[in-house]
Amino acid sequence: MSYMFTVSPDFAPDRLSGWYIFNTWLQKQSAEAIHLEMYNHYHDLRQAIAADKIDLIYANPFDAAMLVREKGFLPLVRAKGESDEAIIAVNADSNINDVADLKPNTRVAFTDDPDVRLMGMIMLEPADLHAGNIVPLLSDNHVLVAKHLLKGEADVGIILAEAYDNLSGMIKKQLRILVRSQISVIYHSLMIGPRLQSRRDDFQKILLEMDRDEKGGGVLNALGFSAWQRIEDEEMEFMIDLMDTLNT
């Protein structure tokens, strides 16, 4: 039997090959046939989840709630020392120096990454901005959000902090951060679906020992991670509850 693995579309583009290498490594270690399917848009990913096509997923925090509560997924591991944060950025030449300077009809660029957009909109609340009084500019990825700022097509951009940090020095030199979130308890999770759950303990063991293996360590490095750490069920429930609170 072949199983399907996918990754939330917000991963850094230069990590794409790393995920394919990881999938090959995981197949060998688990002795399972696992196919990696990448989706460019959240709409396509959610259609695949709704159709019960996915067995393993590196999921963003927003989707983790739905996967646990509606599809019976369980957490395996998270990247050690990593958390999801968002930044509000402007063009370096912008006369906006504080979020409070923003006015209704501000042009806000963001991707369809739901947890990053949620954190970003919370950080825009001091300016009394909300979904009903901004001009949204939906972008396919975080690099395009930055380009909207560089071209003067957007006043502010909401960008995943990790994606911002991975932008080229030339691009970052032309941008300025207004605010960076510091929530620290929201993160992407590697999760396992119902068809594979009889092997949950096996997969956790394989992943938790990955950094101790020379090849495994190299694969982790290709993903930009140092190691995996276990996610307890209670820890996942806490994050889901927090996402619910932030979303109200």
C-alpha atoms as a PDB file:
ATOM      1  CA  MET A   1       0.000   0.000   0.000  1.00  0.00           C
ATOM      2  CA  SER A   2       1.252   3.484  -0.897  1.00  0.00           C
ATOM      3  CA  TYR A   3       0.774   6.447   1.431  1.00  0.00           C
ATOM      4  CA  MET A   4       0.635  10.161   0.601  1.00  0.00           C
ATOM      5  CA  PHE A   5       2.825  12.799   2.264  1.00  0.00           C
ATOM      6  CA  THR A   6       2.532  16.540   1.730  1.00  0.00           C
ATOM      7  CA  VAL A   7       3.885  19.803   3.106  1.00  0.00           C
ATOM      8  CA  SER A   8       2.020  23.030   3.874  1.00  0.00           C
ATOM      9  CA  PRO A   9       2.571  25.359   0.857  1.00  0.00           C
ATOM     10  CA  ASP A  10       4.275  28.041   2.965  1.00  0.00           C
ATOM     11  CA  PHE A  11       7.680  26.306   3.010  1.00  0.00           C
ATOM     12  CA  ALA A  12      10.638  28.287   1.681  1.00  0.00           C
ATOM     13  CA  PRO A  13      11.079  27.569  -2.066  1.00  0.00           C
ATOM     14  CA  ASP A  14      14.754  26.728  -1.593  1.00  0.00           C
ATOM     15  CA  ARG A  15      13.722  23.878   0.740  1.00  0.00           C
ATOM     16  CA  LEU A  16      11.742  22.046  -1.964  1.00  0.00           C
ATOM     17  CA  SER A  17      14.521  19.602  -2.832  1.00  0.00           C
ATOM     18  CA  GLY A  18      15.079  19.005   0.897  1.00  0.00           C
ATOM     19  CA  TRP A  19      11.524  17.714   1.313  1.00  0.00           C
ATOM     20  CA  TYR A  20      11.975  15.253  -1.563  1.00  0.00           C
ATOM     21  CA  ILE A  21      15.216  14.026   0.010  1.00  0.00           C
ATOM     22  CA  PHE A  22      13.446  13.739   3.374  1.00  0.00           C
ATOM     23  CA  ASN A  23      10.652  11.683   1.805  1.00  0.00           C
ATOM     24  CA  THR A  24      13.167   9.265   0.247  1.00  0.00           C
ATOM     25  CA  TRP A  25      14.988   8.943   3.576  1.00  0.00           C
ATOM     26  CA  LEU A  26      11.724   8.328   5.456  1.00  0.00           C
ATOM     27  CA  GLN A  27      10.666   5.618   3.004  1.00  0.00           C
ATOM     28  CA  LYS A  28      13.925   3.741   3.554  1.00  0.00           C
ATOM     29  CA  GLN A  29      13.811   4.083   7.338  1.00  0.00           C
ATOM     30  CA  SER A  30      10.152   3.081   7.664  1.00  0.00           C
ATOM     31  CA  ALA A  31      10.057   0.485   4.858  1.00  0.00           C
ATOM     32  CA  GLU A  32       6.795   2.087   3.681  1.00  0.00           C
ATOM     33  CA  ALA A  33       5.908   3.285   0.194  1.00  0.00           C
ATOM     34  CA  ILE A  34       5.359   7.024   0.666  1.00  0.00           C
ATOM     35  CA  HIS A  35       4.644   9.402  -2.214  1.00  0.00           C
ATOM     36  CA  LEU A  36       5.357  13.111  -1.760  1.00  0.00           C
ATOM     37  CA  GLU A  37       2.740  15.352  -3.372  1.00  0.00           C
ATOM     38  CA  MET A  38       3.258  19.115  -3.222  1.00  0.00           C
ATOM     39  CA  TYR A  39       0.390  21.587  -3.554  1.00  0.00           C
ATOM     40  CA  ASN A  40       1.017  25.194  -4.611  1.00  0.00           C
ATOM     41  CA  HIS A  41      -2.135  26.575  -3.030  1.00  0.00           C
ATOM     42  CA  TYR A  42      -4.005  25.986   0.222  1.00  0.00           C
ATOM     43  CA  HIS A  43      -7.248  25.442  -1.692  1.00  0.00           C
ATOM     44  CA  ASP A  44      -5.742  22.426  -3.484  1.00  0.00           C
ATOM     45  CA  LEU A  45      -4.254  21.079  -0.254  1.00  0.00           C
ATOM     46  CA  ARG A  46      -7.569  21.321   1.588  1.00  0.00           C
ATOM     47  CA  GLN A  47      -9.373  19.544  -1.246  1.00  0.00           C
ATOM     48  CA  ALA A  48      -6.894  16.664  -0.913  1.00  0.00           C
ATOM     49  CA  ILE A  49      -7.389  16.583   2.879  1.00  0.00           C
ATOM     50  CA  ALA A  50     -11.179  16.645   2.473  1.00  0.00           C
ATOM     51  CA  ALA A  51     -10.933  13.698   0.061  1.00  0.00           C
ATOM     52  CA  ASP A  52      -8.870  11.728   2.639  1.00  0.00           C
ATOM     53  CA  LYS A  53      -5.882  11.478   0.288  1.00  0.00           C
ATOM     54  CA  ILE A  54      -3.256  12.564   2.849  1.00  0.00           C
ATOM     55  CA  ASP A  55      -1.562  10.232   5.351  1.00  0.00           C
ATOM     56  CA  LEU A  56       1.389  12.352   6.507  1.00  0.00           C
ATOM     57  CA  ILE A  57       1.581  16.131   6.511  1.00  0.00           C
ATOM     58  CA  TYR A  58       3.891  18.876   7.692  1.00  0.00           C
ATOM     59  CA  ALA A  59       1.020  21.159   8.632  1.00  0.00           C
ATOM     60  CA  ASN A  60       0.704  24.782   9.639  1.00  0.00           C
ATOM     61  CA  PRO A  61      -0.989  25.531  13.008  1.00  0.00           C
ATOM     62  CA  PHE A  62      -4.266  26.642  11.430  1.00  0.00           C
ATOM     63  CA  ASP A  63      -4.708  23.366   9.522  1.00  0.00           C
ATOM     64  CA  ALA A  64      -3.542  21.291  12.506  1.00  0.00           C
ATOM     65  CA  ALA A  65      -6.809  22.059  14.317  1.00  0.00           C
ATOM     66  CA  MET A  66      -8.899  20.828  11.413  1.00  0.00           C
ATOM     67  CA  LEU A  67      -6.712  17.748  10.892  1.00  0.00           C
ATOM     68  CA  VAL A  68      -7.040  16.689  14.549  1.00  0.00           C
ATOM     69  CA  ARG A  69     -10.709  17.487  15.088  1.00  0.00           C
ATOM     70  CA  GLU A  70     -12.183  16.582  11.717  1.00  0.00           C
ATOM     71  CA  LYS A  71      -9.806  14.041  10.178  1.00  0.00           C
ATOM     72  CA  GLY A  72      -8.419  12.132  13.162  1.00  0.00           C
ATOM     73  CA  PHE A  73      -4.757  13.063  12.665  1.00  0.00           C
ATOM     74  CA  LEU A  74      -2.270  12.845  15.536  1.00  0.00           C
ATOM     75  CA  PRO A  75       0.953  14.819  16.059  1.00  0.00           C
ATOM     76  CA  LEU A  76       4.366  13.235  15.642  1.00  0.00           C
ATOM     77  CA  VAL A  77       7.120  15.849  15.908  1.00  0.00           C
ATOM     78  CA  ARG A  78       8.000  19.497  15.360  1.00  0.00           C
ATOM     79  CA  ALA A  79      11.257  21.142  14.320  1.00  0.00           C
ATOM     80  CA  LYS A  80      13.333  21.656  17.465  1.00  0.00           C
ATOM     81  CA  GLY A  81      13.553  25.264  18.589  1.00  0.00           C
ATOM     82  CA  GLU A  82      11.377  26.551  15.741  1.00  0.00           C
ATOM     83  CA  SER A  83       8.118  28.480  16.018  1.00  0.00           C
ATOM     84  CA  ASP A  84       5.867  30.341  13.602  1.00  0.00           C
ATOM     85  CA  GLU A  85       6.054  34.107  13.802  1.00  0.00           C
ATOM     86  CA  ALA A  86       4.902  36.873  11.475  1.00  0.00           C
ATOM     87  CA  ILE A  87       6.317  40.279  10.622  1.00  0.00           C
ATOM     88  CA  ILE A  88       4.730  43.477   9.339  1.00  0.00           C
ATOM     89  CA  ALA A  89       7.088  45.046   6.799  1.00  0.00           C
ATOM     90  CA  VAL A  90       7.118  48.226   4.723  1.00  0.00           C
ATOM     91  CA  ASN A  91       9.302  49.634   1.969  1.00  0.00           C
ATOM     92  CA  ALA A  92      12.455  51.091   3.538  1.00  0.00           C
ATOM     93  CA  ASP A  93      11.534  54.500   2.069  1.00  0.00           C
ATOM     94  CA  SER A  94       8.000  54.458   3.489  1.00  0.00           C
ATOM     95  CA  ASN A  95       6.965  57.310   5.769  1.00  0.00           C
ATOM     96  CA  ILE A  96       5.144  54.762   7.960  1.00  0.00           C
ATOM     97  CA  ASN A  97       7.157  54.290  11.149  1.00  0.00           C
ATOM     98  CA  ASP A  98       4.560  52.684  13.397  1.00  0.00           C
ATOM     99  CA  VAL A  99       1.529  50.451  12.902  1.00  0.00           C
ATOM    100  CA  ALA A 100      -0.566  53.198  14.518  1.00  0.00           C
ATOM    101  CA  ASP A 101       0.287  55.429  11.518  1.00  0.00           C
ATOM    102  CA  LEU A 102      -1.793  53.224   9.221  1.00  0.00           C
ATOM    103  CA  LYS A 103      -5.229  54.351   8.039  1.00  0.00           C
ATOM    104  CA  PRO A 104      -8.311  52.631   6.579  1.00  0.00           C
ATOM    105  CA  ASN A 105      -7.842  51.517   2.957  1.00  0.00           C
ATOM    106  CA  THR A 106      -4.211  50.611   3.637  1.00  0.00           C
ATOM    107  CA  ARG A 107      -3.005  48.227   0.934  1.00  0.00           C
ATOM    108  CA  VAL A 108      -1.967  45.022   2.726  1.00  0.00           C
ATOM    109  CA  ALA A 109      -0.135  42.246   0.871  1.00  0.00           C
ATOM    110  CA  PHE A 110      -0.221  38.699   2.247  1.00  0.00           C
ATOM    111  CA  THR A 111      -0.374  35.075   1.159  1.00  0.00           C
ATOM    112  CA  ASP A 112      -3.193  32.621   1.776  1.00  0.00           C
ATOM    113  CA  ASP A 113      -1.166  31.184   4.691  1.00  0.00           C
ATOM    114  CA  PRO A 114      -3.957  31.405   7.308  1.00  0.00           C
ATOM    115  CA  ASP A 115      -1.967  31.440  10.548  1.00  0.00           C
ATOM    116  CA  VAL A 116       0.496  34.062   9.310  1.00  0.00           C
ATOM    117  CA  ARG A 117      -2.334  36.267   8.038  1.00  0.00           C
ATOM    118  CA  LEU A 118      -4.137  35.838  11.369  1.00  0.00           C
ATOM    119  CA  MET A 119      -1.065  36.893  13.377  1.00  0.00           C
ATOM    120  CA  GLY A 120      -0.469  39.792  10.988  1.00  0.00           C
ATOM    121  CA  MET A 121      -4.014  41.111  11.248  1.00  0.00           C
ATOM    122  CA  ILE A 122      -3.800  40.945  15.064  1.00  0.00           C
ATOM    123  CA  MET A 123      -0.657  43.117  14.872  1.00  0.00           C
ATOM    124  CA  LEU A 124      -2.547  45.636  12.703  1.00  0.00           C
ATOM    125  CA  GLU A 125      -5.323  46.049  15.289  1.00  0.00           C
ATOM    126  CA  PRO A 126      -3.664  49.084  17.007  1.00  0.00           C
ATOM    127  CA  ALA A 127      -4.467  50.996  13.788  1.00  0.00           C
ATOM    128  CA  ASP A 128      -8.092  49.780  13.947  1.00  0.00           C
ATOM    129  CA  LEU A 129      -7.516  47.855  10.730  1.00  0.00           C
ATOM    130  CA  HIS A 130      -9.499  44.719   9.995  1.00  0.00           C
ATOM    131  CA  ALA A 131     -10.584  42.632   7.007  1.00  0.00           C
ATOM    132  CA  GLY A 132     -13.396  45.077   6.256  1.00  0.00           C
ATOM    133  CA  ASN A 133     -11.355  48.259   5.883  1.00  0.00           C
ATOM    134  CA  ILE A 134      -8.093  47.218   4.179  1.00  0.00           C
ATOM    135  CA  VAL A 135      -7.299  46.760   0.501  1.00  0.00           C
ATOM    136  CA  PRO A 136      -6.076  43.137   0.342  1.00  0.00           C
ATOM    137  CA  LEU A 137      -3.391  42.032  -2.115  1.00  0.00           C
ATOM    138  CA  LEU A 138      -3.326  38.233  -2.157  1.00  0.00           C
ATOM    139  CA  SER A 139       0.063  36.881  -3.252  1.00  0.00           C
ATOM    140  CA  ASP A 140       1.139  33.367  -4.194  1.00  0.00           C
ATOM    141  CA  ASN A 141       4.153  33.383  -1.847  1.00  0.00           C
ATOM    142  CA  HIS A 142       6.052  35.531   0.633  1.00  0.00           C
ATOM    143  CA  VAL A 143       8.652  36.621  -1.957  1.00  0.00           C
ATOM    144  CA  LEU A 144       5.837  38.177  -4.013  1.00  0.00           C
ATOM    145  CA  VAL A 145       4.584  39.976  -0.890  1.00  0.00           C
ATOM    146  CA  ALA A 146       8.049  41.554  -0.616  1.00  0.00           C
ATOM    147  CA  LYS A 147       7.968  42.477  -4.320  1.00  0.00           C
ATOM    148  CA  HIS A 148       4.620  44.269  -3.876  1.00  0.00           C
ATOM    149  CA  LEU A 149       6.332  46.404  -1.226  1.00  0.00           C
ATOM    150  CA  LEU A 150       9.389  47.066  -3.383  1.00  0.00           C
ATOM    151  CA  LYS A 151       7.222  48.158  -6.331  1.00  0.00           C
ATOM    152  CA  GLY A 152       5.049  50.415  -4.165  1.00  0.00           C
ATOM    153  CA  GLU A 153       1.970  48.312  -4.894  1.00  0.00           C
ATOM    154  CA  ALA A 154       1.351  47.651  -1.180  1.00  0.00           C
ATOM    155  CA  ASP A 155       1.724  49.859   1.877  1.00  0.00           C
ATOM    156  CA  VAL A 156       2.489  46.984   4.264  1.00  0.00           C
ATOM    157  CA  GLY A 157       3.126  43.269   3.924  1.00  0.00           C
ATOM    158  CA  ILE A 158       2.468  40.346   6.256  1.00  0.00           C
ATOM    159  CA  ILE A 159       5.289  37.830   5.917  1.00  0.00           C
ATOM    160  CA  LEU A 160       6.210  34.610   7.723  1.00  0.00           C
ATOM    161  CA  ALA A 161       9.242  35.606   9.803  1.00  0.00           C
ATOM    162  CA  GLU A 162      11.295  32.622   8.621  1.00  0.00           C
ATOM    163  CA  ALA A 163      10.526  33.508   4.991  1.00  0.00           C
ATOM    164  CA  TYR A 164      11.547  37.131   5.621  1.00  0.00           C
ATOM    165  CA  ASP A 165      14.802  36.044   7.234  1.00  0.00           C
ATOM    166  CA  ASN A 166      15.537  33.889   4.157  1.00  0.00           C
ATOM    167  CA  LEU A 167      15.042  36.748   1.678  1.00  0.00           C
ATOM    168  CA  SER A 168      18.187  37.920  -0.104  1.00  0.00           C
ATOM    169  CA  GLY A 169      20.225  40.657   1.525  1.00  0.00           C
ATOM    170  CA  MET A 170      19.470  42.931  -1.428  1.00  0.00           C
ATOM    171  CA  ILE A 171      15.701  42.632  -0.890  1.00  0.00           C
ATOM    172  CA  LYS A 172      15.883  42.986   2.899  1.00  0.00           C
ATOM    173  CA  LYS A 173      17.970  46.137   2.507  1.00  0.00           C
ATOM    174  CA  GLN A 174      15.012  47.728   0.709  1.00  0.00           C
ATOM    175  CA  LEU A 175      12.487  46.713   3.388  1.00  0.00           C
ATOM    176  CA  ARG A 176      11.911  47.694   7.005  1.00  0.00           C
ATOM    177  CA  ILE A 177      10.218  45.707   9.784  1.00  0.00           C
ATOM    178  CA  LEU A 178       7.542  47.551  11.745  1.00  0.00           C
ATOM    179  CA  VAL A 179       6.760  44.732  14.178  1.00  0.00           C
ATOM    180  CA  ARG A 180       7.576  41.035  14.658  1.00  0.00           C
ATOM    181  CA  SER A 181       5.301  38.691  16.629  1.00  0.00           C
ATOM    182  CA  GLN A 182       6.678  36.888  19.682  1.00  0.00           C
ATOM    183  CA  ILE A 183       4.026  34.260  20.370  1.00  0.00           C
ATOM    184  CA  SER A 184       6.586  31.389  20.439  1.00  0.00           C
ATOM    185  CA  VAL A 185       4.056  28.566  21.036  1.00  0.00           C
ATOM    186  CA  ILE A 186       2.657  28.246  17.495  1.00  0.00           C
ATOM    187  CA  TYR A 187       4.503  25.916  15.144  1.00  0.00           C
ATOM    188  CA  HIS A 188       4.267  23.608  12.159  1.00  0.00           C
ATOM    189  CA  SER A 189       3.752  19.942  13.019  1.00  0.00           C
ATOM    190  CA  LEU A 190       4.538  16.684  11.268  1.00  0.00           C
ATOM    191  CA  MET A 191       1.276  14.766  11.648  1.00  0.00           C
ATOM    192  CA  ILE A 192       0.118  11.224  10.900  1.00  0.00           C
ATOM    193  CA  GLY A 193      -3.297  10.212   9.556  1.00  0.00           C
ATOM    194  CA  PRO A 194      -5.610   7.313  10.486  1.00  0.00           C
ATOM    195  CA  ARG A 195      -4.330   4.829   7.879  1.00  0.00           C
ATOM    196  CA  LEU A 196      -0.775   4.985   9.248  1.00  0.00           C
ATOM    197  CA  GLN A 197      -1.471   5.447  12.962  1.00  0.00           C
ATOM    198  CA  SER A 198      -0.659   1.867  13.894  1.00  0.00           C
ATOM    199  CA  ARG A 199       2.949   2.908  13.191  1.00  0.00           C
ATOM    200  CA  ARG A 200       2.878   6.200  15.064  1.00  0.00           C
ATOM    201  CA  ASP A 201       5.405   5.080  17.687  1.00  0.00           C
ATOM    202  CA  ASP A 202       7.728   3.698  14.982  1.00  0.00           C
ATOM    203  CA  PHE A 203       7.670   6.940  13.017  1.00  0.00           C
ATOM    204  CA  GLN A 204       8.256   9.036  16.141  1.00  0.00           C
ATOM    205  CA  LYS A 205      11.279   6.918  17.076  1.00  0.00           C
ATOM    206  CA  ILE A 206      12.739   7.164  13.559  1.00  0.00           C
ATOM    207  CA  LEU A 207      12.302  10.946  13.474  1.00  0.00           C
ATOM    208  CA  LEU A 208      13.544  11.626  17.007  1.00  0.00           C
ATOM    209  CA  GLU A 209      16.766   9.722  16.263  1.00  0.00           C
ATOM    210  CA  MET A 210      17.246  11.345  12.853  1.00  0.00           C
ATOM    211  CA  ASP A 211      19.842  13.920  13.948  1.00  0.00           C
ATOM    212  CA  ARG A 212      22.051  11.170  15.416  1.00  0.00           C
ATOM    213  CA  ASP A 213      22.444   9.538  12.008  1.00  0.00           C
ATOM    214  CA  GLU A 214      24.971  11.046   9.573  1.00  0.00           C
ATOM    215  CA  LYS A 215      22.665  10.867   6.550  1.00  0.00           C
ATOM    216  CA  GLY A 216      19.652  11.869   8.620  1.00  0.00           C
ATOM    217  CA  GLY A 217      21.518  14.913   9.935  1.00  0.00           C
ATOM    218  CA  GLY A 218      22.336  15.953   6.387  1.00  0.00           C
ATOM    219  CA  VAL A 219      18.667  15.685   5.395  1.00  0.00           C
ATOM    220  CA  LEU A 220      17.637  17.809   8.385  1.00  0.00           C
ATOM    221  CA  ASN A 221      20.201  20.400   7.356  1.00  0.00           C
ATOM    222  CA  ALA A 222      18.645  20.514   3.869  1.00  0.00           C
ATOM    223  CA  LEU A 223      15.343  21.408   5.572  1.00  0.00           C
ATOM    224  CA  GLY A 224      16.961  24.067   7.751  1.00  0.00           C
ATOM    225  CA  PHE A 225      16.317  22.091  10.955  1.00  0.00           C
ATOM    226  CA  SER A 226      18.706  20.827  13.633  1.00  0.00           C
ATOM    227  CA  ALA A 227      16.515  18.019  14.990  1.00  0.00           C
ATOM    228  CA  TRP A 228      12.925  16.938  15.660  1.00  0.00           C
ATOM    229  CA  GLN A 229      11.232  17.038  19.048  1.00  0.00           C
ATOM    230  CA  ARG A 230       8.180  15.049  20.158  1.00  0.00           C
ATOM    231  CA  ILE A 231       4.753  16.702  20.341  1.00  0.00           C
ATOM    232  CA  GLU A 232       2.569  15.408  23.144  1.00  0.00           C
ATOM    233  CA  ASP A 233      -1.180  15.256  22.519  1.00  0.00           C
ATOM    234  CA  GLU A 234      -1.813  17.782  25.319  1.00  0.00           C
ATOM    235  CA  GLU A 235       0.678  20.190  23.726  1.00  0.00           C
ATOM    236  CA  MET A 236      -1.192  19.970  20.414  1.00  0.00           C
ATOM    237  CA  GLU A 237      -4.536  20.596  22.160  1.00  0.00           C
ATOM    238  CA  PHE A 238      -3.077  23.705  23.809  1.00  0.00           C
ATOM    239  CA  MET A 239      -1.946  25.098  20.441  1.00  0.00           C
ATOM    240  CA  ILE A 240      -5.341  24.337  18.860  1.00  0.00           C
ATOM    241  CA  ASP A 241      -7.134  26.121  21.712  1.00  0.00           C
ATOM    242  CA  LEU A 242      -4.791  29.090  21.338  1.00  0.00           C
ATOM    243  CA  MET A 243      -5.455  29.283  17.593  1.00  0.00           C
ATOM    244  CA  ASP A 244      -9.207  29.239  18.336  1.00  0.00           C
ATOM    245  CA  THR A 245      -8.745  32.101  20.818  1.00  0.00           C
ATOM    246  CA  LEU A 246      -6.677  34.171  18.366  1.00  0.00           C
ATOM    247  CA  ASN A 247      -9.242  33.559  15.655  1.00  0.00           C
ATOM    248  CA  THR A 248     -12.187  34.977  17.658  1.00  0.00           C
END
